[in-house]
Amino acid sequence: MKYNKSPLSINKQLNKLVDKGLQINNTAQARKKLKNVNYYRLSSYFVPFYKIRSKKFKAHTIFEDILDLYEFDNELRKLVFSCIQTLEIAVRSRIINNYSCNFNAHWFENLKRFKSFDAYSNFQKSALKVVEENRSKEKFIGHYLNKYDDPILPSNWMVIEMLTLGQTSRLYKSLKDDRTKKSIAKDFGITEVVLESWLHNLNYIRNITAHHYRLWNRDLRITPKNPRRVRFQFLNVRTGFSHHKLYFSLSVMIYMINCVDANNQSKIELINYIDSLSSFYRNGMGFPTSYKIEPLWNV
């Protein structure tokens, strides 16, 4: 089937919304918003306001309803991103400290630290690439490369500090399942297999927030494992809701932050923000009505 939809001017976009039953009280405001936030991007926030099995808006739906939902999602992404930053730094720090102290500054150059030769080789390529990319951006990298020629790569606390969350997640998964790897997971009261899953999920959500995609009411393609046992306070009820919605992933994130810093301000702000919302917003994230009985969701 050939795609034959024609582009629409801002005025035609407004007319289309009116034809679909949307009430626009302030045309100038709506035009300005469509100019700054394209129609297609905003259209993902139309769906909750559509009639059942229709692309017509429910009666009395106004443009401001859609803007409110859009701005809510913006704020949600900011708060979630801030929480993930805390965990990204904490996990990197644990890898650096544990492996440095148990082995040496360049432990990642030892094949024995990895599950396989491919895992080892892939990380060497990633490390070389990240060092080269930061040669002129980071003074400490330039200093190392100008002063030392053996080993070729800087120490692990320099290299790993520059990794993205995705690279950190892949590194942890590629490491040999030894006591050092287990000790990092133990800090979070879980197994290394569960931590691998949780880091993968965190990176997936981090990328959604970083690229400004809709986070609210999303069915998550990558979900965190539901652990059999946890050492610290997690969810008392882990069934009866969709693990593909945001509630379970946010619960995992809050649990991990509690292991790092229970008084973390970003976490507290996120919980308070969720509490301030109407059930409409929480339902879209898969929150059970009784979520506040969970100690995890209280500050």
C-alpha atoms as a PDB file:
ATOM      1  CA  MET A   1       0.000   0.000   0.000  1.00  0.00           C
ATOM      2  CA  LYS A   2       1.434   3.370  -1.008  1.00  0.00           C
ATOM      3  CA  TYR A   3       1.621   6.149   1.585  1.00  0.00           C
ATOM      4  CA  ASN A   4      -0.265   9.145   0.224  1.00  0.00           C
ATOM      5  CA  LYS A   5      -0.996  11.407   3.196  1.00  0.00           C
ATOM      6  CA  SER A   6      -0.277  15.054   2.413  1.00  0.00           C
ATOM      7  CA  PRO A   7       1.413  17.395   4.900  1.00  0.00           C
ATOM      8  CA  LEU A   8      -0.897  19.868   6.622  1.00  0.00           C
ATOM      9  CA  SER A   9      -0.299  23.517   7.500  1.00  0.00           C
ATOM     10  CA  ILE A  10      -0.796  24.595  11.120  1.00  0.00           C
ATOM     11  CA  ASN A  11      -4.212  26.029  10.250  1.00  0.00           C
ATOM     12  CA  LYS A  12      -5.258  22.796   8.571  1.00  0.00           C
ATOM     13  CA  GLN A  13      -4.032  20.838  11.602  1.00  0.00           C
ATOM     14  CA  LEU A  14      -6.268  22.986  13.800  1.00  0.00           C
ATOM     15  CA  ASN A  15      -9.208  22.418  11.451  1.00  0.00           C
ATOM     16  CA  LYS A  16      -8.580  18.691  11.563  1.00  0.00           C
ATOM     17  CA  LEU A  17      -8.681  18.702  15.372  1.00  0.00           C
ATOM     18  CA  VAL A  18     -11.953  20.647  15.346  1.00  0.00           C
ATOM     19  CA  ASP A  19     -13.403  18.200  12.797  1.00  0.00           C
ATOM     20  CA  LYS A  20     -12.458  15.378  15.192  1.00  0.00           C
ATOM     21  CA  GLY A  21     -14.528  17.033  17.916  1.00  0.00           C
ATOM     22  CA  LEU A  22     -11.803  18.812  19.911  1.00  0.00           C
ATOM     23  CA  GLN A  23     -12.821  22.105  21.505  1.00  0.00           C
ATOM     24  CA  ILE A  24     -10.220  24.850  21.028  1.00  0.00           C
ATOM     25  CA  ASN A  25     -10.862  27.882  23.218  1.00  0.00           C
ATOM     26  CA  ASN A  26      -7.656  29.749  22.433  1.00  0.00           C
ATOM     27  CA  THR A  27      -6.726  29.414  18.766  1.00  0.00           C
ATOM     28  CA  ALA A  28      -3.553  31.515  19.082  1.00  0.00           C
ATOM     29  CA  GLN A  29      -2.253  29.331  21.933  1.00  0.00           C
ATOM     30  CA  ALA A  30      -3.093  26.134  20.043  1.00  0.00           C
ATOM     31  CA  ARG A  31      -1.363  27.418  16.891  1.00  0.00           C
ATOM     32  CA  LYS A  32       1.759  28.330  18.898  1.00  0.00           C
ATOM     33  CA  LYS A  33       1.844  24.912  20.532  1.00  0.00           C
ATOM     34  CA  LEU A  34       1.523  23.061  17.237  1.00  0.00           C
ATOM     35  CA  LYS A  35       4.321  25.209  15.863  1.00  0.00           C
ATOM     36  CA  ASN A  36       6.658  24.196  18.700  1.00  0.00           C
ATOM     37  CA  VAL A  37       5.418  20.635  19.246  1.00  0.00           C
ATOM     38  CA  ASN A  38       4.551  18.970  15.964  1.00  0.00           C
ATOM     39  CA  TYR A  39       1.105  17.472  15.474  1.00  0.00           C
ATOM     40  CA  TYR A  40       2.398  13.908  15.135  1.00  0.00           C
ATOM     41  CA  ARG A  41       4.258  14.101  18.443  1.00  0.00           C
ATOM     42  CA  LEU A  42       1.217  15.520  20.213  1.00  0.00           C
ATOM     43  CA  SER A  43      -1.098  12.961  18.620  1.00  0.00           C
ATOM     44  CA  SER A  44       0.141  10.180  20.923  1.00  0.00           C
ATOM     45  CA  TYR A  45      -1.557  12.085  23.743  1.00  0.00           C
ATOM     46  CA  PHE A  46      -4.899  12.196  21.897  1.00  0.00           C
ATOM     47  CA  VAL A  47      -5.700   8.516  22.408  1.00  0.00           C
ATOM     48  CA  PRO A  48      -7.006   8.632  26.025  1.00  0.00           C
ATOM     49  CA  PHE A  49      -9.507  11.284  24.946  1.00  0.00           C
ATOM     50  CA  TYR A  50     -10.907   9.378  21.974  1.00  0.00           C
ATOM     51  CA  LYS A  51     -14.269   7.708  21.995  1.00  0.00           C
ATOM     52  CA  ILE A  52     -14.157   3.913  22.127  1.00  0.00           C
ATOM     53  CA  ARG A  53     -13.134   2.420  18.757  1.00  0.00           C
ATOM     54  CA  SER A  54     -13.040   5.877  17.202  1.00  0.00           C
ATOM     55  CA  LYS A  55     -10.600   8.668  16.403  1.00  0.00           C
ATOM     56  CA  LYS A  56     -13.172  11.252  17.374  1.00  0.00           C
ATOM     57  CA  PHE A  57     -12.771  13.077  20.666  1.00  0.00           C
ATOM     58  CA  LYS A  58     -15.137  12.534  23.569  1.00  0.00           C
ATOM     59  CA  ALA A  59     -17.639  15.299  24.177  1.00  0.00           C
ATOM     60  CA  HIS A  60     -16.288  18.398  25.974  1.00  0.00           C
ATOM     61  CA  THR A  61     -12.634  17.485  25.401  1.00  0.00           C
ATOM     62  CA  ILE A  62     -10.617  20.685  25.151  1.00  0.00           C
ATOM     63  CA  PHE A  63      -7.141  21.365  23.780  1.00  0.00           C
ATOM     64  CA  GLU A  64      -5.909  22.193  27.293  1.00  0.00           C
ATOM     65  CA  ASP A  65      -6.684  18.604  28.392  1.00  0.00           C
ATOM     66  CA  ILE A  66      -4.128  17.342  25.891  1.00  0.00           C
ATOM     67  CA  LEU A  67      -1.594  20.009  26.858  1.00  0.00           C
ATOM     68  CA  ASP A  68      -1.948  19.091  30.528  1.00  0.00           C
ATOM     69  CA  LEU A  69      -1.210  15.451  29.735  1.00  0.00           C
ATOM     70  CA  TYR A  70       1.735  16.430  27.543  1.00  0.00           C
ATOM     71  CA  GLU A  71       3.250  18.675  30.231  1.00  0.00           C
ATOM     72  CA  PHE A  72       2.684  16.010  32.878  1.00  0.00           C
ATOM     73  CA  ASP A  73       4.665  13.525  30.797  1.00  0.00           C
ATOM     74  CA  ASN A  74       7.473  16.066  30.392  1.00  0.00           C
ATOM     75  CA  GLU A  75       7.739  16.484  34.148  1.00  0.00           C
ATOM     76  CA  LEU A  76       7.548  12.731  34.718  1.00  0.00           C
ATOM     77  CA  ARG A  77      10.444  12.150  32.312  1.00  0.00           C
ATOM     78  CA  LYS A  78      12.586  14.776  34.067  1.00  0.00           C
ATOM     79  CA  LEU A  79      12.042  13.214  37.485  1.00  0.00           C
ATOM     80  CA  VAL A  80      12.663   9.682  36.233  1.00  0.00           C
ATOM     81  CA  PHE A  81      15.793  10.747  34.361  1.00  0.00           C
ATOM     82  CA  SER A  82      17.179  12.360  37.519  1.00  0.00           C
ATOM     83  CA  CYS A  83      16.602   9.154  39.487  1.00  0.00           C
ATOM     84  CA  ILE A  84      18.279   7.039  36.816  1.00  0.00           C
ATOM     85  CA  GLN A  85      21.323   9.335  36.853  1.00  0.00           C
ATOM     86  CA  THR A  86      21.813   8.501  40.531  1.00  0.00           C
ATOM     87  CA  LEU A  87      21.765   4.784  39.787  1.00  0.00           C
ATOM     88  CA  GLU A  88      23.961   5.077  36.698  1.00  0.00           C
ATOM     89  CA  ILE A  89      26.727   6.724  38.722  1.00  0.00           C
ATOM     90  CA  ALA A  90      26.281   4.334  41.666  1.00  0.00           C
ATOM     91  CA  VAL A  91      26.559   1.193  39.511  1.00  0.00           C
ATOM     92  CA  ARG A  92      29.594   2.511  37.628  1.00  0.00           C
ATOM     93  CA  SER A  93      31.228   3.356  40.946  1.00  0.00           C
ATOM     94  CA  ARG A  94      30.649  -0.144  42.289  1.00  0.00           C
ATOM     95  CA  ILE A  95      32.160  -1.766  39.220  1.00  0.00           C
ATOM     96  CA  ILE A  96      35.206   0.524  39.422  1.00  0.00           C
ATOM     97  CA  ASN A  97      35.786   0.091  43.157  1.00  0.00           C
ATOM     98  CA  ASN A  98      35.117  -3.641  43.455  1.00  0.00           C
ATOM     99  CA  TYR A  99      37.124  -4.735  40.434  1.00  0.00           C
ATOM    100  CA  SER A 100      39.998  -2.311  41.067  1.00  0.00           C
ATOM    101  CA  CYS A 101      40.449  -3.458  44.651  1.00  0.00           C
ATOM    102  CA  ASN A 102      40.080  -7.170  43.856  1.00  0.00           C
ATOM    103  CA  PHE A 103      42.310  -7.127  40.758  1.00  0.00           C
ATOM    104  CA  ASN A 104      44.110  -4.024  39.417  1.00  0.00           C
ATOM    105  CA  ALA A 105      43.655  -0.744  37.572  1.00  0.00           C
ATOM    106  CA  HIS A 106      43.499  -2.460  34.175  1.00  0.00           C
ATOM    107  CA  TRP A 107      41.552  -5.576  35.118  1.00  0.00           C
ATOM    108  CA  PHE A 108      39.333  -5.243  32.034  1.00  0.00           C
ATOM    109  CA  GLU A 109      42.293  -6.182  29.827  1.00  0.00           C
ATOM    110  CA  ASN A 110      42.283  -9.663  31.335  1.00  0.00           C
ATOM    111  CA  LEU A 111      40.205 -12.158  29.354  1.00  0.00           C
ATOM    112  CA  LYS A 112      39.578 -14.158  32.557  1.00  0.00           C
ATOM    113  CA  ARG A 113      37.318 -11.396  33.891  1.00  0.00           C
ATOM    114  CA  PHE A 114      34.783 -11.976  31.089  1.00  0.00           C
ATOM    115  CA  LYS A 115      32.299 -14.703  30.226  1.00  0.00           C
ATOM    116  CA  SER A 116      33.756 -15.292  26.761  1.00  0.00           C
ATOM    117  CA  PHE A 117      36.312 -14.057  24.266  1.00  0.00           C
ATOM    118  CA  ASP A 118      33.557 -12.273  22.336  1.00  0.00           C
ATOM    119  CA  ALA A 119      32.449 -10.453  25.492  1.00  0.00           C
ATOM    120  CA  TYR A 120      36.053  -9.477  26.190  1.00  0.00           C
ATOM    121  CA  SER A 121      36.680  -8.373  22.603  1.00  0.00           C
ATOM    122  CA  ASN A 122      33.482  -6.331  22.408  1.00  0.00           C
ATOM    123  CA  PHE A 123      34.368  -4.415  25.536  1.00  0.00           C
ATOM    124  CA  GLN A 124      37.892  -3.687  24.308  1.00  0.00           C
ATOM    125  CA  LYS A 125      36.374  -2.194  21.147  1.00  0.00           C
ATOM    126  CA  SER A 126      33.919  -0.122  23.195  1.00  0.00           C
ATOM    127  CA  ALA A 127      36.678   1.066  25.509  1.00  0.00           C
ATOM    128  CA  LEU A 128      38.947   2.082  22.627  1.00  0.00           C
ATOM    129  CA  LYS A 129      36.076   3.932  20.976  1.00  0.00           C
ATOM    130  CA  VAL A 130      35.027   5.830  24.106  1.00  0.00           C
ATOM    131  CA  VAL A 131      38.629   6.815  24.849  1.00  0.00           C
ATOM    132  CA  GLU A 132      39.147   8.068  21.310  1.00  0.00           C
ATOM    133  CA  GLU A 133      35.873  10.020  21.394  1.00  0.00           C
ATOM    134  CA  ASN A 134      36.935  11.720  24.627  1.00  0.00           C
ATOM    135  CA  ARG A 135      40.587  12.305  23.787  1.00  0.00           C
ATOM    136  CA  SER A 136      40.034  16.013  23.263  1.00  0.00           C
ATOM    137  CA  LYS A 137      36.862  16.399  25.351  1.00  0.00           C
ATOM    138  CA  GLU A 138      38.184  15.204  28.714  1.00  0.00           C
ATOM    139  CA  LYS A 139      41.496  16.531  30.035  1.00  0.00           C
ATOM    140  CA  PHE A 140      42.211  13.432  32.116  1.00  0.00           C
ATOM    141  CA  ILE A 141      42.063  11.253  29.005  1.00  0.00           C
ATOM    142  CA  GLY A 142      44.327  13.541  27.030  1.00  0.00           C
ATOM    143  CA  HIS A 143      46.741  13.684  29.969  1.00  0.00           C
ATOM    144  CA  TYR A 144      46.937   9.890  30.211  1.00  0.00           C
ATOM    145  CA  LEU A 145      47.457   9.379  26.472  1.00  0.00           C
ATOM    146  CA  ASN A 146      50.139  12.073  26.319  1.00  0.00           C
ATOM    147  CA  LYS A 147      52.043  10.784  29.346  1.00  0.00           C
ATOM    148  CA  TYR A 148      51.680   6.987  29.178  1.00  0.00           C
ATOM    149  CA  ASP A 149      51.928   4.430  26.405  1.00  0.00           C
ATOM    150  CA  ASP A 150      51.660   1.265  28.487  1.00  0.00           C
ATOM    151  CA  PRO A 151      48.927   0.117  28.887  1.00  0.00           C
ATOM    152  CA  ILE A 152      47.403   1.751  25.830  1.00  0.00           C
ATOM    153  CA  LEU A 153      44.055   2.298  27.547  1.00  0.00           C
ATOM    154  CA  PRO A 154      43.689   4.424  30.702  1.00  0.00           C
ATOM    155  CA  SER A 155      42.804   2.860  34.044  1.00  0.00           C
ATOM    156  CA  ASN A 156      39.350   1.427  34.578  1.00  0.00           C
ATOM    157  CA  TRP A 157      38.243   4.350  36.741  1.00  0.00           C
ATOM    158  CA  MET A 158      38.822   6.631  33.760  1.00  0.00           C
ATOM    159  CA  VAL A 159      37.370   4.359  31.081  1.00  0.00           C
ATOM    160  CA  ILE A 160      34.290   3.186  32.988  1.00  0.00           C
ATOM    161  CA  GLU A 161      33.541   6.705  34.194  1.00  0.00           C
ATOM    162  CA  MET A 162      32.913   7.662  30.559  1.00  0.00           C
ATOM    163  CA  LEU A 163      30.596   4.766  29.725  1.00  0.00           C
ATOM    164  CA  THR A 164      26.941   5.348  28.983  1.00  0.00           C
ATOM    165  CA  LEU A 165      24.360   3.468  31.031  1.00  0.00           C
ATOM    166  CA  GLY A 166      23.844   1.133  28.073  1.00  0.00           C
ATOM    167  CA  GLN A 167      27.567   0.379  27.888  1.00  0.00           C
ATOM    168  CA  THR A 168      27.719  -0.099  31.649  1.00  0.00           C
ATOM    169  CA  SER A 169      24.761  -2.480  31.499  1.00  0.00           C
ATOM    170  CA  ARG A 170      26.397  -4.504  28.715  1.00  0.00           C
ATOM    171  CA  LEU A 171      29.722  -4.558  30.566  1.00  0.00           C
ATOM    172  CA  TYR A 172      28.143  -5.920  33.742  1.00  0.00           C
ATOM    173  CA  LYS A 173      26.301  -8.597  31.793  1.00  0.00           C
ATOM    174  CA  SER A 174      29.494  -9.637  29.983  1.00  0.00           C
ATOM    175  CA  LEU A 175      31.519 -10.092  33.179  1.00  0.00           C
ATOM    176  CA  LYS A 176      32.286 -13.557  34.499  1.00  0.00           C
ATOM    177  CA  ASP A 177      29.889 -14.676  37.221  1.00  0.00           C
ATOM    178  CA  ASP A 178      32.442 -14.608  40.031  1.00  0.00           C
ATOM    179  CA  ARG A 179      32.456 -13.291  43.595  1.00  0.00           C
ATOM    180  CA  THR A 180      33.239  -9.751  42.498  1.00  0.00           C
ATOM    181  CA  LYS A 181      30.276  -9.574  40.154  1.00  0.00           C
ATOM    182  CA  LYS A 182      28.014 -11.153  42.762  1.00  0.00           C
ATOM    183  CA  SER A 183      29.178  -8.629  45.388  1.00  0.00           C
ATOM    184  CA  ILE A 184      27.828  -5.752  43.288  1.00  0.00           C
ATOM    185  CA  ALA A 185      24.412  -7.407  43.009  1.00  0.00           C
ATOM    186  CA  LYS A 186      24.568  -8.204  46.726  1.00  0.00           C
ATOM    187  CA  ASP A 187      24.767  -4.463  47.443  1.00  0.00           C
ATOM    188  CA  PHE A 188      21.248  -4.303  45.999  1.00  0.00           C
ATOM    189  CA  GLY A 189      20.111  -7.462  47.783  1.00  0.00           C
ATOM    190  CA  ILE A 190      19.540  -9.395  44.541  1.00  0.00           C
ATOM    191  CA  THR A 191      21.308 -11.882  42.260  1.00  0.00           C
ATOM    192  CA  GLU A 192      23.544 -10.849  39.380  1.00  0.00           C
ATOM    193  CA  VAL A 193      21.000 -12.237  36.867  1.00  0.00           C
ATOM    194  CA  VAL A 194      18.297  -9.987  38.289  1.00  0.00           C
ATOM    195  CA  LEU A 195      20.633  -6.979  38.344  1.00  0.00           C
ATOM    196  CA  GLU A 196      21.490  -7.569  34.669  1.00  0.00           C
ATOM    197  CA  SER A 197      17.775  -7.470  33.881  1.00  0.00           C
ATOM    198  CA  TRP A 198      17.183  -4.364  35.980  1.00  0.00           C
ATOM    199  CA  LEU A 199      20.051  -2.457  34.375  1.00  0.00           C
ATOM    200  CA  HIS A 200      18.730  -3.356  30.926  1.00  0.00           C
ATOM    201  CA  ASN A 201      15.306  -2.031  31.880  1.00  0.00           C
ATOM    202  CA  LEU A 202      16.773   1.143  33.396  1.00  0.00           C
ATOM    203  CA  ASN A 203      18.730   1.836  30.236  1.00  0.00           C
ATOM    204  CA  TYR A 204      15.622   1.294  28.119  1.00  0.00           C
ATOM    205  CA  ILE A 205      13.656   3.811  30.195  1.00  0.00           C
ATOM    206  CA  ARG A 206      16.617   6.175  30.284  1.00  0.00           C
ATOM    207  CA  ASN A 207      16.675   6.233  26.479  1.00  0.00           C
ATOM    208  CA  ILE A 208      12.945   6.949  26.340  1.00  0.00           C
ATOM    209  CA  THR A 209      13.392   9.931  28.650  1.00  0.00           C
ATOM    210  CA  ALA A 210      16.578  11.201  26.971  1.00  0.00           C
ATOM    211  CA  HIS A 211      14.944  11.199  23.523  1.00  0.00           C
ATOM    212  CA  HIS A 212      11.759  12.839  24.863  1.00  0.00           C
ATOM    213  CA  TYR A 213       9.488   9.968  23.846  1.00  0.00           C
ATOM    214  CA  ARG A 214       6.173   9.466  25.606  1.00  0.00           C
ATOM    215  CA  LEU A 215       6.712   7.615  28.876  1.00  0.00           C
ATOM    216  CA  TRP A 216       3.192   7.701  30.286  1.00  0.00           C
ATOM    217  CA  ASN A 217       0.825   4.889  29.285  1.00  0.00           C
ATOM    218  CA  ARG A 218       3.585   3.059  27.419  1.00  0.00           C
ATOM    219  CA  ASP A 219       3.774  -0.723  27.212  1.00  0.00           C
ATOM    220  CA  LEU A 220       7.410  -1.333  28.049  1.00  0.00           C
ATOM    221  CA  ARG A 221       9.150  -3.671  25.631  1.00  0.00           C
ATOM    222  CA  ILE A 222      11.966  -4.459  28.085  1.00  0.00           C
ATOM    223  CA  THR A 223      10.771  -5.304  31.583  1.00  0.00           C
ATOM    224  CA  PRO A 224      12.735  -6.050  34.768  1.00  0.00           C
ATOM    225  CA  LYS A 225      12.772  -9.563  36.194  1.00  0.00           C
ATOM    226  CA  ASN A 226      10.542 -10.174  39.176  1.00  0.00           C
ATOM    227  CA  PRO A 227      13.049 -11.450  41.772  1.00  0.00           C
ATOM    228  CA  ARG A 228      12.287 -14.510  43.845  1.00  0.00           C
ATOM    229  CA  ARG A 229      14.056 -13.069  46.856  1.00  0.00           C
ATOM    230  CA  VAL A 230      15.269  -9.610  47.847  1.00  0.00           C
ATOM    231  CA  ARG A 231      17.264  -8.721  50.929  1.00  0.00           C
ATOM    232  CA  PHE A 232      15.693  -5.308  51.506  1.00  0.00           C
ATOM    233  CA  GLN A 233      12.151  -3.915  51.509  1.00  0.00           C
ATOM    234  CA  PHE A 234      10.619  -4.339  48.052  1.00  0.00           C
ATOM    235  CA  LEU A 235       6.996  -4.695  46.941  1.00  0.00           C
ATOM    236  CA  ASN A 236       4.924  -6.917  49.190  1.00  0.00           C
ATOM    237  CA  VAL A 237       2.478  -7.522  46.331  1.00  0.00           C
ATOM    238  CA  ARG A 238       4.111  -8.271  42.970  1.00  0.00           C
ATOM    239  CA  THR A 239       1.163  -9.734  41.073  1.00  0.00           C
ATOM    240  CA  GLY A 240      -2.206  -8.466  39.930  1.00  0.00           C
ATOM    241  CA  PHE A 241      -0.845  -5.691  37.725  1.00  0.00           C
ATOM    242  CA  SER A 242       0.943  -5.483  34.380  1.00  0.00           C
ATOM    243  CA  HIS A 243       4.720  -5.710  34.600  1.00  0.00           C
ATOM    244  CA  HIS A 244       4.834  -4.059  31.174  1.00  0.00           C
ATOM    245  CA  LYS A 245       3.555  -0.798  32.619  1.00  0.00           C
ATOM    246  CA  LEU A 246       5.695   1.792  34.366  1.00  0.00           C
ATOM    247  CA  TYR A 247       4.636   1.047  37.953  1.00  0.00           C
ATOM    248  CA  PHE A 248       6.783  -2.061  38.333  1.00  0.00           C
ATOM    249  CA  SER A 249       9.826  -0.474  36.686  1.00  0.00           C
ATOM    250  CA  LEU A 250       9.518   2.619  38.896  1.00  0.00           C
ATOM    251  CA  SER A 251       9.244   0.344  41.930  1.00  0.00           C
ATOM    252  CA  VAL A 252      12.485  -1.382  40.911  1.00  0.00           C
ATOM    253  CA  MET A 253      14.143   1.997  40.456  1.00  0.00           C
ATOM    254  CA  ILE A 254      13.015   3.260  43.874  1.00  0.00           C
ATOM    255  CA  TYR A 255      14.155   0.018  45.515  1.00  0.00           C
ATOM    256  CA  MET A 256      17.626   0.410  43.973  1.00  0.00           C
ATOM    257  CA  ILE A 257      17.866   4.062  45.031  1.00  0.00           C
ATOM    258  CA  ASN A 258      16.924   3.073  48.584  1.00  0.00           C
ATOM    259  CA  CYS A 259      19.926   0.736  48.546  1.00  0.00           C
ATOM    260  CA  VAL A 260      22.142   3.647  47.496  1.00  0.00           C
ATOM    261  CA  ASP A 261      20.592   6.537  49.440  1.00  0.00           C
ATOM    262  CA  ALA A 262      17.174   6.204  51.062  1.00  0.00           C
ATOM    263  CA  ASN A 263      16.983  10.012  51.473  1.00  0.00           C
ATOM    264  CA  ASN A 264      17.703  10.740  47.825  1.00  0.00           C
ATOM    265  CA  GLN A 265      15.874  13.950  46.910  1.00  0.00           C
ATOM    266  CA  SER A 266      15.073  12.933  43.325  1.00  0.00           C
ATOM    267  CA  LYS A 267      13.349   9.796  44.559  1.00  0.00           C
ATOM    268  CA  ILE A 268      11.342  11.750  47.138  1.00  0.00           C
ATOM    269  CA  GLU A 269      10.270  14.289  44.509  1.00  0.00           C
ATOM    270  CA  LEU A 270       9.154  11.494  42.173  1.00  0.00           C
ATOM    271  CA  ILE A 271       7.057   9.780  44.861  1.00  0.00           C
ATOM    272  CA  ASN A 272       5.466  13.078  45.915  1.00  0.00           C
ATOM    273  CA  TYR A 273       4.708  13.903  42.287  1.00  0.00           C
ATOM    274  CA  ILE A 274       3.043  10.537  41.715  1.00  0.00           C
ATOM    275  CA  ASP A 275       0.998  11.019  44.897  1.00  0.00           C
ATOM    276  CA  SER A 276      -0.208  14.438  43.706  1.00  0.00           C
ATOM    277  CA  LEU A 277      -1.722  13.013  40.519  1.00  0.00           C
ATOM    278  CA  SER A 278      -5.292  11.983  39.854  1.00  0.00           C
ATOM    279  CA  SER A 279      -6.061   8.293  39.392  1.00  0.00           C
ATOM    280  CA  PHE A 280      -6.347   8.925  35.628  1.00  0.00           C
ATOM    281  CA  TYR A 281      -2.606   9.556  35.393  1.00  0.00           C
ATOM    282  CA  ARG A 282      -1.614   6.701  37.723  1.00  0.00           C
ATOM    283  CA  ASN A 283      -3.888   4.233  35.949  1.00  0.00           C
ATOM    284  CA  GLY A 284      -2.045   4.967  32.708  1.00  0.00           C
ATOM    285  CA  MET A 285       1.168   3.822  34.387  1.00  0.00           C
ATOM    286  CA  GLY A 286      -0.337   0.627  35.770  1.00  0.00           C
ATOM    287  CA  PHE A 287      -0.479   1.724  39.413  1.00  0.00           C
ATOM    288  CA  PRO A 288      -2.751  -0.441  41.553  1.00  0.00           C
ATOM    289  CA  THR A 289      -5.259   1.539  43.609  1.00  0.00           C
ATOM    290  CA  SER A 290      -3.641   0.232  46.801  1.00  0.00           C
ATOM    291  CA  TYR A 291      -0.068   1.219  45.911  1.00  0.00           C
ATOM    292  CA  LYS A 292       0.269   3.427  49.022  1.00  0.00           C
ATOM    293  CA  ILE A 293       0.084   0.418  51.333  1.00  0.00           C
ATOM    294  CA  GLU A 294       3.523  -0.491  49.987  1.00  0.00           C
ATOM    295  CA  PRO A 295       6.302   0.852  52.286  1.00  0.00           C
ATOM    296  CA  LEU A 296       8.407   1.317  49.150  1.00  0.00           C
ATOM    297  CA  TRP A 297       6.034   4.031  47.944  1.00  0.00           C
ATOM    298  CA  ASN A 298       6.090   6.052  51.149  1.00  0.00           C
ATOM    299  CA  VAL A 299       8.670   8.640  52.157  1.00  0.00           C
END
